[in-house]
C-alpha atoms as a PDB file:
ATOM      1  CA  MET A   1      -9.344 177.098-152.244  1.00  0.00           C
ATOM      2  CA  GLY A   2      -7.187 179.181-155.298  1.00  0.00           C
ATOM      3  CA  LYS A   3      -6.021 177.224-158.042  1.00  0.00           C
ATOM      4  CA  THR A   4      -1.987 176.984-157.037  1.00  0.00           C
ATOM      5  CA  GLU A   5      -4.145 175.498-153.670  1.00  0.00           C
ATOM      6  CA  ASP A   6      -5.940 172.247-155.971  1.00  0.00           C
ATOM      7  CA  GLN A   7      -3.396 171.806-158.074  1.00  0.00           C
ATOM      8  CA  VAL A   8      -1.001 171.311-154.738  1.00  0.00           C
ATOM      9  CA  VAL A   9      -3.786 168.981-153.202  1.00  0.00           C
ATOM     10  CA  GLN A  10      -3.956 167.376-155.984  1.00  0.00           C
ATOM     11  CA  LEU A  11       0.163 166.398-156.778  1.00  0.00           C
ATOM     12  CA  LEU A  12      -0.535 165.152-152.677  1.00  0.00           C
ATOM     13  CA  ARG A  13      -2.804 162.768-153.109  1.00  0.00           C
ATOM     14  CA  ASP A  14      -1.778 161.123-156.060  1.00  0.00           C
ATOM     15  CA  SER A  15       2.129 160.977-154.791  1.00  0.00           C
ATOM     16  CA  ASP A  16       4.353 160.007-152.588  1.00  0.00           C
ATOM     17  CA  PRO A  17       5.411 162.909-149.405  1.00  0.00           C
ATOM     18  CA  LEU A  18       7.108 165.116-151.701  1.00  0.00           C
ATOM     19  CA  THR A  19       9.530 168.664-150.601  1.00  0.00           C
ATOM     20  CA  LEU A  20       8.674 171.121-150.781  1.00  0.00           C
ATOM     21  CA  ALA A  21      11.332 171.724-153.959  1.00  0.00           C
ATOM     22  CA  GLU A  22       9.732 168.312-155.688  1.00  0.00           C
ATOM     23  CA  ILE A  23       5.861 170.359-155.861  1.00  0.00           C
ATOM     24  CA  SER A  24       7.381 173.378-156.737  1.00  0.00           C
ATOM     25  CA  GLU A  25       9.288 171.018-160.063  1.00  0.00           C
ATOM     26  CA  ARG A  26       5.992 168.778-160.878  1.00  0.00           C
ATOM     27  CA  LEU A  27       3.742 171.911-160.575  1.00  0.00           C
ATOM     28  CA  GLY A  28       6.092 174.168-162.950  1.00  0.00           C
ATOM     29  CA  LYS A  29       6.160 176.445-160.483  1.00  0.00           C
ATOM     30  CA  LYS A  30       7.700 179.135-158.167  1.00  0.00           C
ATOM     31  CA  PRO A  31       9.180 177.394-154.813  1.00  0.00           C
ATOM     32  CA  ARG A  32       8.009 180.615-152.815  1.00  0.00           C
ATOM     33  CA  VAL A  33       4.212 180.379-155.123  1.00  0.00           C
ATOM     34  CA  VAL A  34       3.722 176.817-153.618  1.00  0.00           C
ATOM     35  CA  PHE A  35       4.979 177.500-149.485  1.00  0.00           C
ATOM     36  CA  ARG A  36       2.316 179.612-149.947  1.00  0.00           C
ATOM     37  CA  ALA A  37      -0.231 177.788-150.671  1.00  0.00           C
ATOM     38  CA  LEU A  38       1.422 175.201-148.491  1.00  0.00           C
ATOM     39  CA  ARG A  39       1.471 177.263-145.316  1.00  0.00           C
ATOM     40  CA  LYS A  40      -1.864 178.574-146.305  1.00  0.00           C
ATOM     41  CA  LEU A  41      -3.532 174.783-145.499  1.00  0.00           C
ATOM     42  CA  PHE A  42      -1.763 173.711-143.809  1.00  0.00           C
ATOM     43  CA  GLU A  43      -2.995 176.246-141.784  1.00  0.00           C
ATOM     44  CA  GLU A  44      -6.256 175.071-142.365  1.00  0.00           C
ATOM     45  CA  GLY A  45      -5.489 171.385-141.328  1.00  0.00           C
ATOM     46  CA  LYS A  46      -5.099 170.017-144.828  1.00  0.00           C
ATOM     47  CA  VAL A  47      -1.580 169.341-145.116  1.00  0.00           C
ATOM     48  CA  ASN A  48       1.675 168.334-142.657  1.00  0.00           C
ATOM     49  CA  ARG A  49       5.206 168.824-142.657  1.00  0.00           C
ATOM     50  CA  ASP A  50       7.073 166.266-141.593  1.00  0.00           C
ATOM     51  CA  PRO A  51       9.752 168.176-139.956  1.00  0.00           C
ATOM     52  CA  GLN A  52      13.138 165.759-140.148  1.00  0.00           C
ATOM     53  CA  THR A  53      11.855 164.848-143.749  1.00  0.00           C
ATOM     54  CA  ARG A  54      10.800 168.337-144.926  1.00  0.00           C
ATOM     55  CA  ARG A  55       8.371 166.952-146.415  1.00  0.00           C
ATOM     56  CA  TYR A  56       4.416 167.445-146.940  1.00  0.00           C
ATOM     57  CA  ALA A  57       1.921 165.924-147.191  1.00  0.00           C
ATOM     58  CA  LEU A  58      -1.932 165.006-147.733  1.00  0.00           C
ATOM     59  CA  VAL A  59      -3.778 164.953-143.715  1.00  0.00           C
ATOM     60  CA  LYS A  60      -5.259 161.565-143.994  1.00  0.00           C
ATOM     61  CA  GLU A  61      -9.794 162.152-143.186  1.00  0.00           C
ATOM     62  CA  GLY A  62     -10.709 159.786-140.525  1.00  0.00           C
ATOM     63  CA  PRO A  63     -14.292 157.833-141.039  1.00  0.00           C
ATOM     64  CA  ARG A  64     -17.417 160.137-140.597  1.00  0.00           C
END
């Protein structure tokens, strides 16, 4: 993972689900930069987006 992806994962791990704007603001990064990171994390199955609230959250990992 890249630096921005790591920061997004850490932020989502420590918070409730957040919108793109909230993540951008908290990380001090432009929305387009955060969106690219979120898209990559989504494609990797690490984050989900609620279509109604437009909030992103980490995918819960099941027991191993």
